[in-house]
Amino acid sequence: MTLPETDQAQWPLDGTIFPVAEIYIEVSPEPHPFHLAEAERARESWGREIAANPHLFDGRMVLQRSVRITDGRISARAHIVPYSTFLWWRKTRAAGASHIFGMPMLVSSDGALIAIRMGAHTANPGRVYSPGGSLEPEDIIDGRCDVARNIAREVMEETGISLSEAIAEPGWHAIRMDGTLTVFRVFRLAATAEEILARVAAHVAADPHPEIDEAVAIRGPEPAAHNYPEFIPPILEWLFARVRGQQTA
């Protein structure tokens, strides 16, 4: 399947949440053109990054290039790049690349969204958002990225929670913000927020190298309640509007 270059003019407007019927991310074995063009600058930037935070690890992840959103179908061509290349792209937001990543919206039995606060040693220190992370080589099956596999792995690694315990609501949704597509799905857990926070705290305490500091129970859409990345407040507004609607139905 050959995809044309990204045409963001055809994407939904920034900050708009839209339903997603299918996610097709094909991974090319070739180097990402952005990586080839920016390798030297990415290395220089990485030197500054690790000087400021020596705990960072330059692993491998999937960065997209060609992206199409048509009738709720996300199609993309992607390449495996060093994490340092992604961090450099995140600073420049160059048009030659795009970032797609998945998140589960974990809702407790008493209606709270369970998020996580990232550790000070990570590239997103203190940020609060749903557990998740970029697509990685282990999420590639038969040349395509499996987003469901990715979010299940990330949630287990960060919180110790298996998504097999949760009830998934039908369908995915996505939001576009500044060259990034966040793809998410709502999962409902049988436990209360207090029970889930205690469970995650035990997982973090037992992990010799935890990525997160703690889990956080979010009970409303107030955008300044925590140190959120920009894509989270619109999702919170959408999510809690749904929760209120279901409570009054």
C-alpha atoms as a PDB file:
ATOM      1  CA  MET A   1       0.000   0.000   0.000  1.00  0.00           C
ATOM      2  CA  THR A   2       1.559   3.301  -1.070  1.00  0.00           C
ATOM      3  CA  LEU A   3       0.496   6.435   0.742  1.00  0.00           C
ATOM      4  CA  PRO A   4       1.036  10.005  -0.452  1.00  0.00           C
ATOM      5  CA  GLU A   5       2.771  12.519   1.757  1.00  0.00           C
ATOM      6  CA  THR A   6       0.911  13.963   4.712  1.00  0.00           C
ATOM      7  CA  ASP A   7      -1.757  16.493   3.748  1.00  0.00           C
ATOM      8  CA  GLN A   8      -2.808  18.123   6.999  1.00  0.00           C
ATOM      9  CA  ALA A   9      -5.171  20.413   5.106  1.00  0.00           C
ATOM     10  CA  GLN A  10      -7.482  17.402   4.877  1.00  0.00           C
ATOM     11  CA  TRP A  11      -7.268  16.608   8.591  1.00  0.00           C
ATOM     12  CA  PRO A  12      -9.978  17.551  11.097  1.00  0.00           C
ATOM     13  CA  LEU A  13      -9.360  20.895  12.781  1.00  0.00           C
ATOM     14  CA  ASP A  14      -6.909  21.093  15.668  1.00  0.00           C
ATOM     15  CA  GLY A  15      -8.583  20.184  18.951  1.00  0.00           C
ATOM     16  CA  THR A  16     -11.500  18.386  17.286  1.00  0.00           C
ATOM     17  CA  ILE A  17     -12.291  14.893  18.562  1.00  0.00           C
ATOM     18  CA  PHE A  18     -13.528  12.542  15.871  1.00  0.00           C
ATOM     19  CA  PRO A  19     -14.443   8.842  15.680  1.00  0.00           C
ATOM     20  CA  VAL A  20     -11.944   6.418  14.144  1.00  0.00           C
ATOM     21  CA  ALA A  21     -13.145   3.330  12.299  1.00  0.00           C
ATOM     22  CA  GLU A  22      -9.723   1.927  11.367  1.00  0.00           C
ATOM     23  CA  ILE A  23      -6.039   2.559  12.062  1.00  0.00           C
ATOM     24  CA  TYR A  24      -3.594   1.371   9.390  1.00  0.00           C
ATOM     25  CA  ILE A  25       0.062   2.182  10.078  1.00  0.00           C
ATOM     26  CA  GLU A  26       2.467   0.516   7.654  1.00  0.00           C
ATOM     27  CA  VAL A  27       6.123   0.472   8.733  1.00  0.00           C
ATOM     28  CA  SER A  28       8.809   0.858   6.085  1.00  0.00           C
ATOM     29  CA  PRO A  29      12.216  -0.785   6.574  1.00  0.00           C
ATOM     30  CA  GLU A  30      13.884   2.283   5.074  1.00  0.00           C
ATOM     31  CA  PRO A  31      15.211   5.167   7.209  1.00  0.00           C
ATOM     32  CA  HIS A  32      12.844   8.042   7.847  1.00  0.00           C
ATOM     33  CA  PRO A  33      13.625  10.970   5.487  1.00  0.00           C
ATOM     34  CA  PHE A  34      13.424  13.353   8.455  1.00  0.00           C
ATOM     35  CA  HIS A  35      16.004  11.283  10.318  1.00  0.00           C
ATOM     36  CA  LEU A  36      18.371  11.282   7.344  1.00  0.00           C
ATOM     37  CA  ALA A  37      18.048  15.030   6.854  1.00  0.00           C
ATOM     38  CA  GLU A  38      18.254  15.976  10.535  1.00  0.00           C
ATOM     39  CA  ALA A  39      20.596  13.336  12.002  1.00  0.00           C
ATOM     40  CA  GLU A  40      23.389  15.739  12.878  1.00  0.00           C
ATOM     41  CA  ARG A  41      21.091  18.316  14.476  1.00  0.00           C
ATOM     42  CA  ALA A  42      19.255  15.530  16.320  1.00  0.00           C
ATOM     43  CA  ARG A  43      22.555  14.258  17.738  1.00  0.00           C
ATOM     44  CA  GLU A  44      23.517  17.748  18.877  1.00  0.00           C
ATOM     45  CA  SER A  45      20.129  18.213  20.487  1.00  0.00           C
ATOM     46  CA  TRP A  46      20.403  14.813  22.175  1.00  0.00           C
ATOM     47  CA  GLY A  47      23.723  15.843  23.699  1.00  0.00           C
ATOM     48  CA  ARG A  48      21.979  18.789  25.333  1.00  0.00           C
ATOM     49  CA  GLU A  49      19.078  16.587  26.441  1.00  0.00           C
ATOM     50  CA  ILE A  50      21.223  14.028  28.255  1.00  0.00           C
ATOM     51  CA  ALA A  51      23.416  16.736  29.751  1.00  0.00           C
ATOM     52  CA  ALA A  52      20.255  18.073  31.394  1.00  0.00           C
ATOM     53  CA  ASN A  53      18.800  14.625  32.125  1.00  0.00           C
ATOM     54  CA  PRO A  54      21.291  11.737  32.004  1.00  0.00           C
ATOM     55  CA  HIS A  55      18.523   9.207  32.735  1.00  0.00           C
ATOM     56  CA  LEU A  56      17.131   9.488  29.197  1.00  0.00           C
ATOM     57  CA  PHE A  57      17.570   6.446  26.958  1.00  0.00           C
ATOM     58  CA  ASP A  58      17.963   6.663  23.186  1.00  0.00           C
ATOM     59  CA  GLY A  59      15.833   3.659  22.280  1.00  0.00           C
ATOM     60  CA  ARG A  60      13.862   2.994  19.107  1.00  0.00           C
ATOM     61  CA  MET A  61      10.334   4.086  18.300  1.00  0.00           C
ATOM     62  CA  VAL A  62       7.999   4.506  15.339  1.00  0.00           C
ATOM     63  CA  LEU A  63       7.629   7.920  13.709  1.00  0.00           C
ATOM     64  CA  GLN A  64       5.105   8.498  10.958  1.00  0.00           C
ATOM     65  CA  ARG A  65       5.612  10.273   7.655  1.00  0.00           C
ATOM     66  CA  SER A  66       2.659   9.954   5.275  1.00  0.00           C
ATOM     67  CA  VAL A  67      -0.659  10.344   7.078  1.00  0.00           C
ATOM     68  CA  ARG A  68      -4.188  10.406   5.702  1.00  0.00           C
ATOM     69  CA  ILE A  69      -7.465  10.811   7.562  1.00  0.00           C
ATOM     70  CA  THR A  70     -10.435   9.961   5.372  1.00  0.00           C
ATOM     71  CA  ASP A  71     -13.943   9.134   6.586  1.00  0.00           C
ATOM     72  CA  GLY A  72     -12.632   8.221  10.017  1.00  0.00           C
ATOM     73  CA  ARG A  73      -9.864   5.983   8.670  1.00  0.00           C
ATOM     74  CA  ILE A  74      -6.294   6.821   9.660  1.00  0.00           C
ATOM     75  CA  SER A  75      -3.689   5.578   7.185  1.00  0.00           C
ATOM     76  CA  ALA A  76      -0.009   6.186   7.689  1.00  0.00           C
ATOM     77  CA  ARG A  77       3.443   5.177   6.520  1.00  0.00           C
ATOM     78  CA  ALA A  78       6.020   5.042   9.280  1.00  0.00           C
ATOM     79  CA  HIS A  79       9.679   4.344   9.997  1.00  0.00           C
ATOM     80  CA  ILE A  80      11.681   3.234  13.024  1.00  0.00           C
ATOM     81  CA  VAL A  81      13.831   6.082  14.351  1.00  0.00           C
ATOM     82  CA  PRO A  82      16.008   6.742  17.404  1.00  0.00           C
ATOM     83  CA  TYR A  83      14.171   8.406  20.275  1.00  0.00           C
ATOM     84  CA  SER A  84      16.625  11.290  19.918  1.00  0.00           C
ATOM     85  CA  THR A  85      15.269  11.937  16.420  1.00  0.00           C
ATOM     86  CA  PHE A  86      11.722  12.067  17.778  1.00  0.00           C
ATOM     87  CA  LEU A  87      12.677  14.532  20.513  1.00  0.00           C
ATOM     88  CA  TRP A  88      14.306  16.751  17.898  1.00  0.00           C
ATOM     89  CA  TRP A  89      11.173  16.556  15.730  1.00  0.00           C
ATOM     90  CA  ARG A  90       9.044  17.404  18.778  1.00  0.00           C
ATOM     91  CA  LYS A  91      11.041  20.619  19.159  1.00  0.00           C
ATOM     92  CA  THR A  92      10.891  21.571  15.475  1.00  0.00           C
ATOM     93  CA  ARG A  93       7.486  20.106  14.467  1.00  0.00           C
ATOM     94  CA  ALA A  94       8.897  19.855  10.941  1.00  0.00           C
ATOM     95  CA  ALA A  95       6.376  19.080   8.207  1.00  0.00           C
ATOM     96  CA  GLY A  96       8.288  15.978   7.103  1.00  0.00           C
ATOM     97  CA  ALA A  97       7.063  13.867  10.029  1.00  0.00           C
ATOM     98  CA  SER A  98       4.006  13.246  12.193  1.00  0.00           C
ATOM     99  CA  HIS A  99       3.464  11.455  15.470  1.00  0.00           C
ATOM    100  CA  ILE A 100       0.634   8.988  16.149  1.00  0.00           C
ATOM    101  CA  PHE A 101       0.278   7.382  19.545  1.00  0.00           C
ATOM    102  CA  GLY A 102      -2.437   5.577  21.472  1.00  0.00           C
ATOM    103  CA  MET A 103      -3.914   5.966  24.952  1.00  0.00           C
ATOM    104  CA  PRO A 104      -6.548   4.121  26.962  1.00  0.00           C
ATOM    105  CA  MET A 105      -8.924   6.350  28.921  1.00  0.00           C
ATOM    106  CA  LEU A 106      -9.273   4.310  32.117  1.00  0.00           C
ATOM    107  CA  VAL A 107     -12.522   5.131  33.933  1.00  0.00           C
ATOM    108  CA  SER A 108     -13.095   3.808  37.454  1.00  0.00           C
ATOM    109  CA  SER A 109     -16.415   2.455  38.716  1.00  0.00           C
ATOM    110  CA  ASP A 110     -17.065   5.774  40.495  1.00  0.00           C
ATOM    111  CA  GLY A 111     -16.508   7.847  37.359  1.00  0.00           C
ATOM    112  CA  ALA A 112     -12.911   9.083  37.696  1.00  0.00           C
ATOM    113  CA  LEU A 113     -10.344   9.062  34.924  1.00  0.00           C
ATOM    114  CA  ILE A 114      -7.185   7.307  36.084  1.00  0.00           C
ATOM    115  CA  ALA A 115      -4.136   9.154  34.784  1.00  0.00           C
ATOM    116  CA  ILE A 116      -0.441   9.025  35.658  1.00  0.00           C
ATOM    117  CA  ARG A 117       2.145  11.628  36.604  1.00  0.00           C
ATOM    118  CA  MET A 118       5.414  11.097  34.758  1.00  0.00           C
ATOM    119  CA  GLY A 119       8.647  10.812  36.704  1.00  0.00           C
ATOM    120  CA  ALA A 120      11.224  13.589  36.888  1.00  0.00           C
ATOM    121  CA  HIS A 121      13.765  11.398  35.066  1.00  0.00           C
ATOM    122  CA  THR A 122      11.628  11.096  31.903  1.00  0.00           C
ATOM    123  CA  ALA A 123      11.302  13.348  28.849  1.00  0.00           C
ATOM    124  CA  ASN A 124       7.901  14.542  30.144  1.00  0.00           C
ATOM    125  CA  PRO A 125       8.635  15.288  33.813  1.00  0.00           C
ATOM    126  CA  GLY A 126       5.584  16.045  35.946  1.00  0.00           C
ATOM    127  CA  ARG A 127       3.151  15.809  33.053  1.00  0.00           C
ATOM    128  CA  VAL A 128      -0.224  14.226  33.791  1.00  0.00           C
ATOM    129  CA  TYR A 129      -2.010  12.173  31.148  1.00  0.00           C
ATOM    130  CA  SER A 130      -3.395   8.703  30.539  1.00  0.00           C
ATOM    131  CA  PRO A 131      -0.874   5.848  30.605  1.00  0.00           C
ATOM    132  CA  GLY A 132       0.575   5.191  27.190  1.00  0.00           C
ATOM    133  CA  GLY A 133       3.508   5.879  24.950  1.00  0.00           C
ATOM    134  CA  SER A 134       4.843   5.999  21.433  1.00  0.00           C
ATOM    135  CA  LEU A 135       4.640   2.975  19.177  1.00  0.00           C
ATOM    136  CA  GLU A 136       7.749   0.818  19.358  1.00  0.00           C
ATOM    137  CA  PRO A 137       9.251  -1.973  17.215  1.00  0.00           C
ATOM    138  CA  GLU A 138       7.664  -4.642  19.444  1.00  0.00           C
ATOM    139  CA  ASP A 139       4.235  -3.245  18.490  1.00  0.00           C
ATOM    140  CA  ILE A 140       4.823  -4.113  14.824  1.00  0.00           C
ATOM    141  CA  ILE A 141       3.045  -7.249  13.594  1.00  0.00           C
ATOM    142  CA  ASP A 142       3.498  -8.319   9.948  1.00  0.00           C
ATOM    143  CA  GLY A 143       4.744  -4.879   8.961  1.00  0.00           C
ATOM    144  CA  ARG A 144       1.937  -2.930  10.639  1.00  0.00           C
ATOM    145  CA  CYS A 145       1.624  -1.210  14.007  1.00  0.00           C
ATOM    146  CA  ASP A 146      -0.871  -2.745  16.412  1.00  0.00           C
ATOM    147  CA  VAL A 147      -2.138   0.187  18.498  1.00  0.00           C
ATOM    148  CA  ALA A 148      -4.265  -2.027  20.761  1.00  0.00           C
ATOM    149  CA  ARG A 149      -1.201  -4.122  21.585  1.00  0.00           C
ATOM    150  CA  ASN A 150       0.782  -0.960  22.278  1.00  0.00           C
ATOM    151  CA  ILE A 151      -1.638   0.530  24.781  1.00  0.00           C
ATOM    152  CA  ALA A 152      -2.108  -2.785  26.595  1.00  0.00           C
ATOM    153  CA  ARG A 153       1.676  -3.132  26.954  1.00  0.00           C
ATOM    154  CA  GLU A 154       2.183   0.463  28.093  1.00  0.00           C
ATOM    155  CA  VAL A 155      -0.596   0.305  30.691  1.00  0.00           C
ATOM    156  CA  MET A 156       0.777  -2.909  32.148  1.00  0.00           C
ATOM    157  CA  GLU A 157       4.329  -1.561  32.280  1.00  0.00           C
ATOM    158  CA  GLU A 158       3.383   1.749  33.897  1.00  0.00           C
ATOM    159  CA  THR A 159       0.529   0.756  36.217  1.00  0.00           C
ATOM    160  CA  GLY A 160       0.403  -3.032  36.515  1.00  0.00           C
ATOM    161  CA  ILE A 161      -3.181  -3.014  35.221  1.00  0.00           C
ATOM    162  CA  SER A 162      -4.200  -5.447  32.477  1.00  0.00           C
ATOM    163  CA  LEU A 163      -6.703  -4.081  29.981  1.00  0.00           C
ATOM    164  CA  SER A 164      -8.215  -7.563  29.860  1.00  0.00           C
ATOM    165  CA  GLU A 165      -9.770  -6.659  33.231  1.00  0.00           C
ATOM    166  CA  ALA A 166     -11.619  -3.701  31.724  1.00  0.00           C
ATOM    167  CA  ILE A 167     -14.659  -3.373  29.501  1.00  0.00           C
ATOM    168  CA  ALA A 168     -13.753  -1.498  26.316  1.00  0.00           C
ATOM    169  CA  GLU A 169     -16.321   0.885  24.919  1.00  0.00           C
ATOM    170  CA  PRO A 170     -16.958   0.380  21.196  1.00  0.00           C
ATOM    171  CA  GLY A 171     -14.705   2.244  18.796  1.00  0.00           C
ATOM    172  CA  TRP A 172     -11.717   4.553  18.887  1.00  0.00           C
ATOM    173  CA  HIS A 173     -11.528   8.333  18.792  1.00  0.00           C
ATOM    174  CA  ALA A 174      -8.694  10.708  17.946  1.00  0.00           C
ATOM    175  CA  ILE A 175      -7.636  14.310  18.320  1.00  0.00           C
ATOM    176  CA  ARG A 176      -5.188  16.249  16.199  1.00  0.00           C
ATOM    177  CA  MET A 177      -2.926  18.823  17.830  1.00  0.00           C
ATOM    178  CA  ASP A 178       0.184  20.428  16.329  1.00  0.00           C
ATOM    179  CA  GLY A 179       1.189  17.572  14.011  1.00  0.00           C
ATOM    180  CA  THR A 180       0.342  14.846  16.533  1.00  0.00           C
ATOM    181  CA  LEU A 181      -2.576  12.412  16.423  1.00  0.00           C
ATOM    182  CA  THR A 182      -3.623  10.977  19.764  1.00  0.00           C
ATOM    183  CA  VAL A 183      -5.791   7.887  19.259  1.00  0.00           C
ATOM    184  CA  PHE A 184      -7.733   6.757  22.313  1.00  0.00           C
ATOM    185  CA  ARG A 185     -10.400   4.370  23.557  1.00  0.00           C
ATOM    186  CA  VAL A 186     -12.461   4.340  26.748  1.00  0.00           C
ATOM    187  CA  PHE A 187     -12.003   1.383  29.113  1.00  0.00           C
ATOM    188  CA  ARG A 188     -14.163   0.935  32.218  1.00  0.00           C
ATOM    189  CA  LEU A 189     -12.737  -0.728  35.309  1.00  0.00           C
ATOM    190  CA  ALA A 190     -14.771  -2.457  38.019  1.00  0.00           C
ATOM    191  CA  ALA A 191     -12.714  -1.001  40.892  1.00  0.00           C
ATOM    192  CA  THR A 192     -13.107   2.422  42.490  1.00  0.00           C
ATOM    193  CA  ALA A 193     -10.564   5.175  41.933  1.00  0.00           C
ATOM    194  CA  GLU A 194      -9.206   4.733  45.473  1.00  0.00           C
ATOM    195  CA  GLU A 195      -8.674   1.012  44.912  1.00  0.00           C
ATOM    196  CA  ILE A 196      -6.944   1.587  41.564  1.00  0.00           C
ATOM    197  CA  LEU A 197      -4.634   4.292  42.957  1.00  0.00           C
ATOM    198  CA  ALA A 198      -3.563   1.956  45.762  1.00  0.00           C
ATOM    199  CA  ARG A 199      -2.886  -0.825  43.294  1.00  0.00           C
ATOM    200  CA  VAL A 200      -0.776   1.411  41.043  1.00  0.00           C
ATOM    201  CA  ALA A 201       1.142   2.741  44.062  1.00  0.00           C
ATOM    202  CA  ALA A 202       2.074  -0.832  44.980  1.00  0.00           C
ATOM    203  CA  HIS A 203       3.196  -1.491  41.402  1.00  0.00           C
ATOM    204  CA  VAL A 204       5.362   1.646  41.342  1.00  0.00           C
ATOM    205  CA  ALA A 205       6.899   0.774  44.710  1.00  0.00           C
ATOM    206  CA  ALA A 206       7.852  -2.691  43.456  1.00  0.00           C
ATOM    207  CA  ASP A 207       9.297  -1.481  40.140  1.00  0.00           C
ATOM    208  CA  PRO A 208      13.066  -0.824  40.368  1.00  0.00           C
ATOM    209  CA  HIS A 209      12.860   1.627  37.461  1.00  0.00           C
ATOM    210  CA  PRO A 210       9.344   3.125  37.363  1.00  0.00           C
ATOM    211  CA  GLU A 211       8.491   5.597  34.616  1.00  0.00           C
ATOM    212  CA  ILE A 212       5.788   7.252  36.679  1.00  0.00           C
ATOM    213  CA  ASP A 213       5.644   8.892  40.094  1.00  0.00           C
ATOM    214  CA  GLU A 214       2.022   8.068  40.854  1.00  0.00           C
ATOM    215  CA  ALA A 215      -1.479   7.572  39.513  1.00  0.00           C
ATOM    216  CA  VAL A 216      -3.963  10.443  39.675  1.00  0.00           C
ATOM    217  CA  ALA A 217      -7.782  10.333  39.826  1.00  0.00           C
ATOM    218  CA  ILE A 218      -9.296  13.084  37.671  1.00  0.00           C
ATOM    219  CA  ARG A 219     -12.940  13.865  38.392  1.00  0.00           C
ATOM    220  CA  GLY A 220     -13.645  16.802  36.114  1.00  0.00           C
ATOM    221  CA  PRO A 221     -12.512  18.657  32.994  1.00  0.00           C
ATOM    222  CA  GLU A 222     -10.826  21.646  34.677  1.00  0.00           C
ATOM    223  CA  PRO A 223      -7.830  22.333  32.379  1.00  0.00           C
ATOM    224  CA  ALA A 224      -5.598  23.799  35.110  1.00  0.00           C
ATOM    225  CA  ALA A 225      -6.104  21.008  37.673  1.00  0.00           C
ATOM    226  CA  HIS A 226      -2.815  19.327  36.727  1.00  0.00           C
ATOM    227  CA  ASN A 227       0.191  19.818  34.460  1.00  0.00           C
ATOM    228  CA  TYR A 228      -1.537  18.486  31.345  1.00  0.00           C
ATOM    229  CA  PRO A 229      -0.130  18.397  27.799  1.00  0.00           C
ATOM    230  CA  GLU A 230      -2.276  20.423  25.426  1.00  0.00           C
ATOM    231  CA  PHE A 231      -4.238  17.499  24.001  1.00  0.00           C
ATOM    232  CA  ILE A 232      -5.622  16.351  27.363  1.00  0.00           C
ATOM    233  CA  PRO A 233      -8.084  19.184  28.287  1.00  0.00           C
ATOM    234  CA  PRO A 234     -10.206  18.712  25.117  1.00  0.00           C
ATOM    235  CA  ILE A 235     -10.339  14.957  25.784  1.00  0.00           C
ATOM    236  CA  LEU A 236     -11.374  15.591  29.393  1.00  0.00           C
ATOM    237  CA  GLU A 237     -14.172  17.900  28.259  1.00  0.00           C
ATOM    238  CA  TRP A 238     -15.383  15.245  25.809  1.00  0.00           C
ATOM    239  CA  LEU A 239     -15.059  12.403  28.321  1.00  0.00           C
ATOM    240  CA  PHE A 240     -16.826  14.040  31.260  1.00  0.00           C
ATOM    241  CA  ALA A 241     -19.616  15.284  29.022  1.00  0.00           C
ATOM    242  CA  ARG A 242     -20.185  11.612  28.147  1.00  0.00           C
ATOM    243  CA  VAL A 243     -20.026  10.595  31.802  1.00  0.00           C
ATOM    244  CA  ARG A 244     -22.576  13.266  32.767  1.00  0.00           C
ATOM    245  CA  GLY A 245     -24.831  12.183  29.921  1.00  0.00           C
ATOM    246  CA  GLN A 246     -24.700   8.548  30.996  1.00  0.00           C
ATOM    247  CA  GLN A 247     -25.437   9.480  34.621  1.00  0.00           C
ATOM    248  CA  THR A 248     -28.573  11.408  33.644  1.00  0.00           C
ATOM    249  CA  ALA A 249     -29.794   8.884  31.049  1.00  0.00           C
END
